Amino acid sequence: MQTLENINKTIKENIAVMVYFSAPTCNVCHALKPKLLEALDENFSEFKVESVDISIDEDIAPHFGIFTIPTVLIFLDSKEFVRKSRNMSVNELMKEIQRPYEIMT
């Protein structure tokens, strides 16, 4: 089980963090997550990933203003940099974070 404190600590202590919000009943979530993880692993070695199951960790999503799944939040240097929900392109997301990530690492 995730806690808000754990996620905030991860965001604070790491240069690049992806928080992935999903639920067991979400088919899109299950199809998208492995693709995102693979793309991050191939392109951005410093990324830490936190996964939030909104059906279990019910207090975390509202804290971040998450009202739909899947939603991805990208934090760079402890600041929210990208927020994507529902229909997202893994390639576009990787392109969006590439330049700022390279500058920071």
PDB file of N, CA and C in Angstrom:
ATOM      1  N   MET A   1       0.840  -1.196   0.000  1.00  0.00           N
ATOM      2  CA  MET A   1       0.000   0.000   0.000  1.00  0.00           C
ATOM      3  C   MET A   1       0.873   1.243   0.000  1.00  0.00           C
ATOM      4  N   GLN A   2       0.557   2.154  -0.873  1.00  0.00           N
ATOM      5  CA  GLN A   2       1.281   3.413  -0.974  1.00  0.00           C
ATOM      6  C   GLN A   2       0.775   4.393   0.077  1.00  0.00           C
ATOM      7  N   THR A   3       1.635   5.340   0.431  1.00  0.00           N
ATOM      8  CA  THR A   3       1.190   6.446   1.271  1.00  0.00           C
ATOM      9  C   THR A   3       1.609   7.746   0.600  1.00  0.00           C
ATOM     10  N   LEU A   4       0.880   8.789   0.904  1.00  0.00           N
ATOM     11  CA  LEU A   4       1.198  10.108   0.375  1.00  0.00           C
ATOM     12  C   LEU A   4       2.590  10.531   0.822  1.00  0.00           C
ATOM     13  N   GLU A   5       2.937  10.189   2.048  1.00  0.00           N
ATOM     14  CA  GLU A   5       4.263  10.539   2.585  1.00  0.00           C
ATOM     15  C   GLU A   5       5.377   9.873   1.777  1.00  0.00           C
ATOM     16  N   ASN A   6       5.185   8.588   1.441  1.00  0.00           N
ATOM     17  CA  ASN A   6       6.201   7.867   0.655  1.00  0.00           C
ATOM     18  C   ASN A   6       6.387   8.493  -0.719  1.00  0.00           C
ATOM     19  N   ILE A   7       5.274   8.824  -1.364  1.00  0.00           N
ATOM     20  CA  ILE A   7       5.353   9.411  -2.708  1.00  0.00           C
ATOM     21  C   ILE A   7       6.022  10.779  -2.647  1.00  0.00           C
ATOM     22  N   ASN A   8       5.617  11.600  -1.695  1.00  0.00           N
ATOM     23  CA  ASN A   8       6.239  12.922  -1.566  1.00  0.00           C
ATOM     24  C   ASN A   8       7.728  12.814  -1.263  1.00  0.00           C
ATOM     25  N   LYS A   9       8.109  11.827  -0.471  1.00  0.00           N
ATOM     26  CA  LYS A   9       9.528  11.607  -0.163  1.00  0.00           C
ATOM     27  C   LYS A   9      10.296  11.218  -1.430  1.00  0.00           C
ATOM     28  N   THR A  10       9.730  10.321  -2.230  1.00  0.00           N
ATOM     29  CA  THR A  10      10.358   9.912  -3.484  1.00  0.00           C
ATOM     30  C   THR A  10      10.533  11.110  -4.409  1.00  0.00           C
ATOM     31  N   ILE A  11       9.487  11.928  -4.528  1.00  0.00           N
ATOM     32  CA  ILE A  11       9.539  13.115  -5.385  1.00  0.00           C
ATOM     33  C   ILE A  11      10.632  14.075  -4.902  1.00  0.00           C
ATOM     34  N   LYS A  12      10.712  14.250  -3.604  1.00  0.00           N
ATOM     35  CA  LYS A  12      11.672  15.193  -3.017  1.00  0.00           C
ATOM     36  C   LYS A  12      13.126  14.719  -3.147  1.00  0.00           C
ATOM     37  N   GLU A  13      13.339  13.406  -3.049  1.00  0.00           N
ATOM     38  CA  GLU A  13      14.694  12.860  -2.973  1.00  0.00           C
ATOM     39  C   GLU A  13      15.282  12.437  -4.321  1.00  0.00           C
ATOM     40  N   ASN A  14      14.493  12.491  -5.396  1.00  0.00           N
ATOM     41  CA  ASN A  14      14.978  12.040  -6.698  1.00  0.00           C
ATOM     42  C   ASN A  14      14.811  13.128  -7.745  1.00  0.00           C
ATOM     43  N   ILE A  15      15.726  13.164  -8.686  1.00  0.00           N
ATOM     44  CA  ILE A  15      15.706  14.204  -9.716  1.00  0.00           C
ATOM     45  C   ILE A  15      14.547  14.017 -10.699  1.00  0.00           C
ATOM     46  N   ALA A  16      14.152  12.765 -10.960  1.00  0.00           N
ATOM     47  CA  ALA A  16      13.106  12.486 -11.947  1.00  0.00           C
ATOM     48  C   ALA A  16      12.204  11.366 -11.425  1.00  0.00           C
ATOM     49  N   VAL A  17      10.898  11.660 -11.362  1.00  0.00           N
ATOM     50  CA  VAL A  17       9.938  10.698 -10.815  1.00  0.00           C
ATOM     51  C   VAL A  17       8.686  10.666 -11.691  1.00  0.00           C
ATOM     52  N   MET A  18       8.213   9.456 -11.973  1.00  0.00           N
ATOM     53  CA  MET A  18       6.915   9.289 -12.614  1.00  0.00           C
ATOM     54  C   MET A  18       5.977   8.663 -11.594  1.00  0.00           C
ATOM     55  N   VAL A  19       4.802   9.291 -11.410  1.00  0.00           N
ATOM     56  CA  VAL A  19       3.766   8.711 -10.563  1.00  0.00           C
ATOM     57  C   VAL A  19       2.658   8.257 -11.502  1.00  0.00           C
ATOM     58  N   TYR A  20       2.362   6.964 -11.452  1.00  0.00           N
ATOM     59  CA  TYR A  20       1.395   6.342 -12.365  1.00  0.00           C
ATOM     60  C   TYR A  20       0.149   5.956 -11.589  1.00  0.00           C
ATOM     61  N   PHE A  21      -0.987   6.563 -11.940  1.00  0.00           N
ATOM     62  CA  PHE A  21      -2.258   6.301 -11.281  1.00  0.00           C
ATOM     63  C   PHE A  21      -3.082   5.348 -12.137  1.00  0.00           C
ATOM     64  N   SER A  22      -3.542   4.260 -11.522  1.00  0.00           N
ATOM     65  CA  SER A  22      -4.327   3.263 -12.254  1.00  0.00           C
ATOM     66  C   SER A  22      -5.247   2.530 -11.285  1.00  0.00           C
ATOM     67  N   ALA A  23      -5.961   1.547 -11.829  1.00  0.00           N
ATOM     68  CA  ALA A  23      -6.828   0.682 -11.023  1.00  0.00           C
ATOM     69  C   ALA A  23      -6.901  -0.687 -11.688  1.00  0.00           C
ATOM     70  N   PRO A  24      -7.177  -1.722 -10.927  1.00  0.00           N
ATOM     71  CA  PRO A  24      -7.223  -3.077 -11.491  1.00  0.00           C
ATOM     72  C   PRO A  24      -8.270  -3.244 -12.591  1.00  0.00           C
ATOM     73  N   THR A  25      -9.323  -2.459 -12.571  1.00  0.00           N
ATOM     74  CA  THR A  25     -10.399  -2.585 -13.555  1.00  0.00           C
ATOM     75  C   THR A  25     -10.123  -1.819 -14.850  1.00  0.00           C
ATOM     76  N   CYS A  26      -8.991  -1.154 -14.938  1.00  0.00           N
ATOM     77  CA  CYS A  26      -8.667  -0.297 -16.089  1.00  0.00           C
ATOM     78  C   CYS A  26      -7.780  -1.051 -17.082  1.00  0.00           C
ATOM     79  N   ASN A  27      -8.362  -1.470 -18.206  1.00  0.00           N
ATOM     80  CA  ASN A  27      -7.591  -2.198 -19.215  1.00  0.00           C
ATOM     81  C   ASN A  27      -6.530  -1.329 -19.875  1.00  0.00           C
ATOM     82  N   VAL A  28      -6.850  -0.074 -20.130  1.00  0.00           N
ATOM     83  CA  VAL A  28      -5.877   0.848 -20.731  1.00  0.00           C
ATOM     84  C   VAL A  28      -4.666   0.989 -19.813  1.00  0.00           C
ATOM     85  N   CYS A  29      -4.923   1.079 -18.516  1.00  0.00           N
ATOM     86  CA  CYS A  29      -3.829   1.200 -17.529  1.00  0.00           C
ATOM     87  C   CYS A  29      -2.853   0.033 -17.640  1.00  0.00           C
ATOM     88  N   HIS A  30      -3.408  -1.170 -17.754  1.00  0.00           N
ATOM     89  CA  HIS A  30      -2.559  -2.368 -17.805  1.00  0.00           C
ATOM     90  C   HIS A  30      -1.779  -2.479 -19.109  1.00  0.00           C
ATOM     91  N   ALA A  31      -2.334  -1.956 -20.189  1.00  0.00           N
ATOM     92  CA  ALA A  31      -1.635  -1.988 -21.477  1.00  0.00           C
ATOM     93  C   ALA A  31      -0.559  -0.914 -21.550  1.00  0.00           C
ATOM     94  N   LEU A  32      -0.821   0.225 -20.946  1.00  0.00           N
ATOM     95  CA  LEU A  32       0.089   1.372 -21.049  1.00  0.00           C
ATOM     96  C   LEU A  32       1.303   1.271 -20.128  1.00  0.00           C
ATOM     97  N   LYS A  33       1.107   0.796 -18.926  1.00  0.00           N
ATOM     98  CA  LYS A  33       2.183   0.807 -17.931  1.00  0.00           C
ATOM     99  C   LYS A  33       3.463   0.108 -18.398  1.00  0.00           C
ATOM    100  N   PRO A  34       3.411  -1.113 -18.933  1.00  0.00           N
ATOM    101  CA  PRO A  34       4.660  -1.758 -19.360  1.00  0.00           C
ATOM    102  C   PRO A  34       5.380  -0.977 -20.457  1.00  0.00           C
ATOM    103  N   LYS A  35       4.618  -0.351 -21.348  1.00  0.00           N
ATOM    104  CA  LYS A  35       5.226   0.439 -22.417  1.00  0.00           C
ATOM    105  C   LYS A  35       5.941   1.667 -21.843  1.00  0.00           C
ATOM    106  N   LEU A  36       5.305   2.325 -20.874  1.00  0.00           N
ATOM    107  CA  LEU A  36       5.935   3.485 -20.230  1.00  0.00           C
ATOM    108  C   LEU A  36       7.198   3.080 -19.476  1.00  0.00           C
ATOM    109  N   LEU A  37       7.100   2.004 -18.724  1.00  0.00           N
ATOM    110  CA  LEU A  37       8.260   1.547 -17.942  1.00  0.00           C
ATOM    111  C   LEU A  37       9.429   1.182 -18.851  1.00  0.00           C
ATOM    112  N   GLU A  38       9.138   0.503 -19.948  1.00  0.00           N
ATOM    113  CA  GLU A  38      10.187   0.125 -20.894  1.00  0.00           C
ATOM    114  C   GLU A  38      10.833   1.363 -21.514  1.00  0.00           C
ATOM    115  N   ALA A  39      10.014   2.331 -21.923  1.00  0.00           N
ATOM    116  CA  ALA A  39      10.545   3.552 -22.538  1.00  0.00           C
ATOM    117  C   ALA A  39      11.382   4.353 -21.545  1.00  0.00           C
ATOM    118  N   LEU A  40      10.935   4.449 -20.311  1.00  0.00           N
ATOM    119  CA  LEU A  40      11.721   5.158 -19.289  1.00  0.00           C
ATOM    120  C   LEU A  40      13.043   4.448 -19.053  1.00  0.00           C
ATOM    121  N   ASP A  41      12.985   3.131 -18.935  1.00  0.00           N
ATOM    122  CA  ASP A  41      14.182   2.335 -18.676  1.00  0.00           C
ATOM    123  C   ASP A  41      15.209   2.486 -19.802  1.00  0.00           C
ATOM    124  N   GLU A  42      14.731   2.518 -21.044  1.00  0.00           N
ATOM    125  CA  GLU A  42      15.627   2.632 -22.199  1.00  0.00           C
ATOM    126  C   GLU A  42      16.223   4.029 -22.355  1.00  0.00           C
ATOM    127  N   ASN A  43      15.480   5.061 -21.960  1.00  0.00           N
ATOM    128  CA  ASN A  43      15.885   6.427 -22.252  1.00  0.00           C
ATOM    129  C   ASN A  43      16.338   7.255 -21.063  1.00  0.00           C
ATOM    130  N   PHE A  44      15.844   6.933 -19.879  1.00  0.00           N
ATOM    131  CA  PHE A  44      16.085   7.803 -18.721  1.00  0.00           C
ATOM    132  C   PHE A  44      16.408   6.964 -17.486  1.00  0.00           C
ATOM    133  N   SER A  45      17.665   6.682 -17.290  1.00  0.00           N
ATOM    134  CA  SER A  45      18.075   5.764 -16.225  1.00  0.00           C
ATOM    135  C   SER A  45      17.819   6.291 -14.815  1.00  0.00           C
ATOM    136  N   GLU A  46      17.719   7.599 -14.657  1.00  0.00           N
ATOM    137  CA  GLU A  46      17.559   8.178 -13.322  1.00  0.00           C
ATOM    138  C   GLU A  46      16.117   8.181 -12.820  1.00  0.00           C
ATOM    139  N   PHE A  47      15.155   7.813 -13.657  1.00  0.00           N
ATOM    140  CA  PHE A  47      13.753   7.908 -13.258  1.00  0.00           C
ATOM    141  C   PHE A  47      13.397   6.894 -12.183  1.00  0.00           C
ATOM    142  N   LYS A  48      12.674   7.355 -11.178  1.00  0.00           N
ATOM    143  CA  LYS A  48      12.041   6.493 -10.182  1.00  0.00           C
ATOM    144  C   LYS A  48      10.559   6.457 -10.519  1.00  0.00           C
ATOM    145  N   VAL A  49       9.921   5.328 -10.298  1.00  0.00           N
ATOM    146  CA  VAL A  49       8.507   5.181 -10.631  1.00  0.00           C
ATOM    147  C   VAL A  49       7.734   4.796  -9.375  1.00  0.00           C
ATOM    148  N   GLU A  50       6.651   5.510  -9.149  1.00  0.00           N
ATOM    149  CA  GLU A  50       5.706   5.187  -8.077  1.00  0.00           C
ATOM    150  C   GLU A  50       4.383   4.845  -8.738  1.00  0.00           C
ATOM    151  N   SER A  51       3.788   3.751  -8.344  1.00  0.00           N
ATOM    152  CA  SER A  51       2.478   3.349  -8.874  1.00  0.00           C
ATOM    153  C   SER A  51       1.433   3.485  -7.781  1.00  0.00           C
ATOM    154  N   VAL A  52       0.303   4.084  -8.145  1.00  0.00           N
ATOM    155  CA  VAL A  52      -0.785   4.282  -7.193  1.00  0.00           C
ATOM    156  C   VAL A  52      -2.032   3.579  -7.728  1.00  0.00           C
ATOM    157  N   ASP A  53      -2.533   2.622  -6.963  1.00  0.00           N
ATOM    158  CA  ASP A  53      -3.796   1.958  -7.273  1.00  0.00           C
ATOM    159  C   ASP A  53      -4.882   2.770  -6.578  1.00  0.00           C
ATOM    160  N   ILE A  54      -5.661   3.514  -7.358  1.00  0.00           N
ATOM    161  CA  ILE A  54      -6.635   4.427  -6.753  1.00  0.00           C
ATOM    162  C   ILE A  54      -7.763   3.697  -6.031  1.00  0.00           C
ATOM    163  N   SER A  55      -7.924   2.402  -6.289  1.00  0.00           N
ATOM    164  CA  SER A  55      -8.965   1.648  -5.585  1.00  0.00           C
ATOM    165  C   SER A  55      -8.516   1.283  -4.164  1.00  0.00           C
ATOM    166  N   ILE A  56      -7.223   1.309  -3.922  1.00  0.00           N
ATOM    167  CA  ILE A  56      -6.677   1.001  -2.590  1.00  0.00           C
ATOM    168  C   ILE A  56      -6.249   2.282  -1.881  1.00  0.00           C
ATOM    169  N   ASP A  57      -5.449   3.066  -2.569  1.00  0.00           N
ATOM    170  CA  ASP A  57      -4.876   4.285  -1.991  1.00  0.00           C
ATOM    171  C   ASP A  57      -5.761   5.482  -2.361  1.00  0.00           C
ATOM    172  N   GLU A  58      -6.964   5.516  -1.787  1.00  0.00           N
ATOM    173  CA  GLU A  58      -7.992   6.454  -2.207  1.00  0.00           C
ATOM    174  C   GLU A  58      -7.690   7.910  -1.893  1.00  0.00           C
ATOM    175  N   ASP A  59      -6.844   8.177  -0.922  1.00  0.00           N
ATOM    176  CA  ASP A  59      -6.571   9.565  -0.535  1.00  0.00           C
ATOM    177  C   ASP A  59      -5.486  10.229  -1.376  1.00  0.00           C
ATOM    178  N   ILE A  60      -4.727   9.457  -2.132  1.00  0.00           N
ATOM    179  CA  ILE A  60      -3.577  10.018  -2.863  1.00  0.00           C
ATOM    180  C   ILE A  60      -4.010  10.749  -4.129  1.00  0.00           C
ATOM    181  N   ALA A  61      -4.888  10.148  -4.932  1.00  0.00           N
ATOM    182  CA  ALA A  61      -5.310  10.760  -6.198  1.00  0.00           C
ATOM    183  C   ALA A  61      -5.914  12.158  -6.005  1.00  0.00           C
ATOM    184  N   PRO A  62      -6.849  12.346  -5.082  1.00  0.00           N
ATOM    185  CA  PRO A  62      -7.399  13.694  -4.903  1.00  0.00           C
ATOM    186  C   PRO A  62      -6.345  14.722  -4.483  1.00  0.00           C
ATOM    187  N   HIS A  63      -5.359  14.288  -3.718  1.00  0.00           N
ATOM    188  CA  HIS A  63      -4.289  15.195  -3.304  1.00  0.00           C
ATOM    189  C   HIS A  63      -3.571  15.785  -4.517  1.00  0.00           C
ATOM    190  N   PHE A  64      -3.389  14.973  -5.544  1.00  0.00           N
ATOM    191  CA  PHE A  64      -2.705  15.423  -6.762  1.00  0.00           C
ATOM    192  C   PHE A  64      -3.689  15.924  -7.833  1.00  0.00           C
ATOM    193  N   GLY A  65      -4.975  15.965  -7.502  1.00  0.00           N
ATOM    194  CA  GLY A  65      -5.975  16.428  -8.461  1.00  0.00           C
ATOM    195  C   GLY A  65      -6.219  15.454  -9.593  1.00  0.00           C
ATOM    196  N   ILE A  66      -6.152  14.162  -9.302  1.00  0.00           N
ATOM    197  CA  ILE A  66      -6.346  13.118 -10.307  1.00  0.00           C
ATOM    198  C   ILE A  66      -7.798  12.659 -10.272  1.00  0.00           C
ATOM    199  N   PHE A  67      -8.478  12.780 -11.417  1.00  0.00           N
ATOM    200  CA  PHE A  67      -9.887  12.407 -11.481  1.00  0.00           C
ATOM    201  C   PHE A  67     -10.174  11.394 -12.585  1.00  0.00           C
ATOM    202  N   THR A  68      -9.152  10.961 -13.312  1.00  0.00           N
ATOM    203  CA  THR A  68      -9.329   9.961 -14.361  1.00  0.00           C
ATOM    204  C   THR A  68      -8.076   9.087 -14.414  1.00  0.00           C
ATOM    205  N   ILE A  69      -8.251   7.864 -14.899  1.00  0.00           N
ATOM    206  CA  ILE A  69      -7.103   6.963 -15.030  1.00  0.00           C
ATOM    207  C   ILE A  69      -7.056   6.418 -16.444  1.00  0.00           C
ATOM    208  N   PRO A  70      -5.917   6.029 -16.942  1.00  0.00           N
ATOM    209  CA  PRO A  70      -4.613   6.236 -16.302  1.00  0.00           C
ATOM    210  C   PRO A  70      -4.203   7.706 -16.370  1.00  0.00           C
ATOM    211  N   THR A  71      -3.465   8.119 -15.352  1.00  0.00           N
ATOM    212  CA  THR A  71      -2.844   9.442 -15.351  1.00  0.00           C
ATOM    213  C   THR A  71      -1.387   9.273 -14.962  1.00  0.00           C
ATOM    214  N   VAL A  72      -0.547  10.008 -15.671  1.00  0.00           N
ATOM    215  CA  VAL A  72       0.888  10.014 -15.401  1.00  0.00           C
ATOM    216  C   VAL A  72       1.289  11.419 -14.996  1.00  0.00           C
ATOM    217  N   LEU A  73       1.983  11.512 -13.874  1.00  0.00           N
ATOM    218  CA  LEU A  73       2.591  12.779 -13.468  1.00  0.00           C
ATOM    219  C   LEU A  73       4.096  12.604 -13.536  1.00  0.00           C
ATOM    220  N   ILE A  74       4.758  13.544 -14.191  1.00  0.00           N
ATOM    221  CA  ILE A  74       6.218  13.541 -14.257  1.00  0.00           C
ATOM    222  C   ILE A  74       6.728  14.695 -13.413  1.00  0.00           C
ATOM    223  N   PHE A  75       7.592  14.377 -12.468  1.00  0.00           N
ATOM    224  CA  PHE A  75       8.217  15.395 -11.629  1.00  0.00           C
ATOM    225  C   PHE A  75       9.693  15.464 -11.973  1.00  0.00           C
ATOM    226  N   LEU A  76      10.172  16.659 -12.233  1.00  0.00           N
ATOM    227  CA  LEU A  76      11.598  16.896 -12.444  1.00  0.00           C
ATOM    228  C   LEU A  76      12.047  17.905 -11.402  1.00  0.00           C
ATOM    229  N   ASP A  77      13.073  17.546 -10.648  1.00  0.00           N
ATOM    230  CA  ASP A  77      13.590  18.409  -9.583  1.00  0.00           C
ATOM    231  C   ASP A  77      12.468  18.808  -8.621  1.00  0.00           C
ATOM    232  N   SER A  78      11.647  17.847  -8.242  1.00  0.00           N
ATOM    233  CA  SER A  78      10.559  17.989  -7.268  1.00  0.00           C
ATOM    234  C   SER A  78       9.381  18.841  -7.737  1.00  0.00           C
ATOM    235  N   LYS A  79       9.362  19.245  -8.986  1.00  0.00           N
ATOM    236  CA  LYS A  79       8.259  20.056  -9.502  1.00  0.00           C
ATOM    237  C   LYS A  79       7.500  19.274 -10.575  1.00  0.00           C
ATOM    238  N   GLU A  80       6.164  19.403 -10.554  1.00  0.00           N
ATOM    239  CA  GLU A  80       5.371  18.739 -11.577  1.00  0.00           C
ATOM    240  C   GLU A  80       5.690  19.370 -12.919  1.00  0.00           C
ATOM    241  N   PHE A  81       6.095  18.536 -13.871  1.00  0.00           N
ATOM    242  CA  PHE A  81       6.506  19.016 -15.183  1.00  0.00           C
ATOM    243  C   PHE A  81       5.506  18.623 -16.272  1.00  0.00           C
ATOM    244  N   VAL A  82       4.976  17.414 -16.192  1.00  0.00           N
ATOM    245  CA  VAL A  82       4.035  16.922 -17.193  1.00  0.00           C
ATOM    246  C   VAL A  82       2.899  16.186 -16.485  1.00  0.00           C
ATOM    247  N   ARG A  83       1.694  16.372 -17.023  1.00  0.00           N
ATOM    248  CA  ARG A  83       0.510  15.653 -16.545  1.00  0.00           C
ATOM    249  C   ARG A  83      -0.232  15.156 -17.782  1.00  0.00           C
ATOM    250  N   LYS A  84      -0.360  13.846 -17.904  1.00  0.00           N
ATOM    251  CA  LYS A  84      -1.060  13.242 -19.048  1.00  0.00           C
ATOM    252  C   LYS A  84      -2.104  12.266 -18.523  1.00  0.00           C
ATOM    253  N   SER A  85      -3.265  12.273 -19.173  1.00  0.00           N
ATOM    254  CA  SER A  85      -4.339  11.361 -18.783  1.00  0.00           C
ATOM    255  C   SER A  85      -4.942  10.685 -20.004  1.00  0.00           C
ATOM    256  N   ARG A  86      -5.521   9.525 -19.738  1.00  0.00           N
ATOM    257  CA  ARG A  86      -6.258   8.746 -20.742  1.00  0.00           C
ATOM    258  C   ARG A  86      -5.435   8.406 -21.972  1.00  0.00           C
ATOM    259  N   ASN A  87      -5.759   9.033 -23.094  1.00  0.00           N
ATOM    260  CA  ASN A  87      -5.091   8.696 -24.357  1.00  0.00           C
ATOM    261  C   ASN A  87      -3.790   9.460 -24.495  1.00  0.00           C
ATOM    262  N   MET A  88      -2.697   8.790 -24.243  1.00  0.00           N
ATOM    263  CA  MET A  88      -1.397   9.449 -24.342  1.00  0.00           C
ATOM    264  C   MET A  88      -0.464   8.612 -25.195  1.00  0.00           C
ATOM    265  N   SER A  89       0.447   9.298 -25.850  1.00  0.00           N
ATOM    266  CA  SER A  89       1.445   8.629 -26.668  1.00  0.00           C
ATOM    267  C   SER A  89       2.731   8.498 -25.851  1.00  0.00           C
ATOM    268  N   VAL A  90       3.213   7.284 -25.738  1.00  0.00           N
ATOM    269  CA  VAL A  90       4.464   7.053 -25.006  1.00  0.00           C
ATOM    270  C   VAL A  90       5.601   7.827 -25.672  1.00  0.00           C
ATOM    271  N   ASN A  91       5.670   7.784 -27.010  1.00  0.00           N
ATOM    272  CA  ASN A  91       6.744   8.488 -27.722  1.00  0.00           C
ATOM    273  C   ASN A  91       6.689   9.988 -27.499  1.00  0.00           C
ATOM    274  N   GLU A  92       5.499  10.568 -27.560  1.00  0.00           N
ATOM    275  CA  GLU A  92       5.369  12.010 -27.328  1.00  0.00           C
ATOM    276  C   GLU A  92       5.782  12.374 -25.916  1.00  0.00           C
ATOM    277  N   LEU A  93       5.403  11.559 -24.954  1.00  0.00           N
ATOM    278  CA  LEU A  93       5.784  11.816 -23.569  1.00  0.00           C
ATOM    279  C   LEU A  93       7.300  11.768 -23.411  1.00  0.00           C
ATOM    280  N   MET A  94       7.951  10.792 -24.028  1.00  0.00           N
ATOM    281  CA  MET A  94       9.404  10.684 -23.933  1.00  0.00           C
ATOM    282  C   MET A  94      10.076  11.914 -24.571  1.00  0.00           C
ATOM    283  N   LYS A  95       9.558  12.357 -25.698  1.00  0.00           N
ATOM    284  CA  LYS A  95      10.119  13.549 -26.359  1.00  0.00           C
ATOM    285  C   LYS A  95       9.951  14.786 -25.489  1.00  0.00           C
ATOM    286  N   GLU A  96       8.805  14.867 -24.818  1.00  0.00           N
ATOM    287  CA  GLU A  96       8.505  16.035 -23.988  1.00  0.00           C
ATOM    288  C   GLU A  96       9.466  16.159 -22.808  1.00  0.00           C
ATOM    289  N   ILE A  97       9.882  15.044 -22.253  1.00  0.00           N
ATOM    290  CA  ILE A  97      10.742  15.119 -21.067  1.00  0.00           C
ATOM    291  C   ILE A  97      12.232  15.003 -21.389  1.00  0.00           C
ATOM    292  N   GLN A  98      12.577  14.672 -22.626  1.00  0.00           N
ATOM    293  CA  GLN A  98      13.977  14.405 -22.960  1.00  0.00           C
ATOM    294  C   GLN A  98      14.907  15.600 -22.705  1.00  0.00           C
ATOM    295  N   ARG A  99      14.586  16.761 -23.271  1.00  0.00           N
ATOM    296  CA  ARG A  99      15.482  17.908 -23.148  1.00  0.00           C
ATOM    297  C   ARG A  99      15.655  18.368 -21.691  1.00  0.00           C
ATOM    298  N   PRO A 100      14.566  18.608 -20.952  1.00  0.00           N
ATOM    299  CA  PRO A 100      14.776  19.027 -19.556  1.00  0.00           C
ATOM    300  C   PRO A 100      15.504  17.979 -18.723  1.00  0.00           C
ATOM    301  N   TYR A 101      15.227  16.703 -19.000  1.00  0.00           N
ATOM    302  CA  TYR A 101      15.914  15.634 -18.283  1.00  0.00           C
ATOM    303  C   TYR A 101      17.406  15.665 -18.549  1.00  0.00           C
ATOM    304  N   GLU A 102      17.774  15.811 -19.827  1.00  0.00           N
ATOM    305  CA  GLU A 102      19.204  15.859 -20.186  1.00  0.00           C
ATOM    306  C   GLU A 102      19.907  17.053 -19.573  1.00  0.00           C
ATOM    307  N   ILE A 103      19.233  18.176 -19.490  1.00  0.00           N
ATOM    308  CA  ILE A 103      19.826  19.369 -18.873  1.00  0.00           C
ATOM    309  C   ILE A 103      20.096  19.132 -17.393  1.00  0.00           C
ATOM    310  N   MET A 104      19.184  18.414 -16.747  1.00  0.00           N
ATOM    311  CA  MET A 104      19.278  18.205 -15.298  1.00  0.00           C
ATOM    312  C   MET A 104      20.248  17.093 -14.891  1.00  0.00           C
ATOM    313  N   THR A 105      20.513  16.149 -15.799  1.00  0.00           N
ATOM    314  CA  THR A 105      21.351  15.008 -15.382  1.00  0.00           C
ATOM    315  C   THR A 105      22.724  15.055 -15.990  1.00  0.00           C
TER     316      THR A 105
END
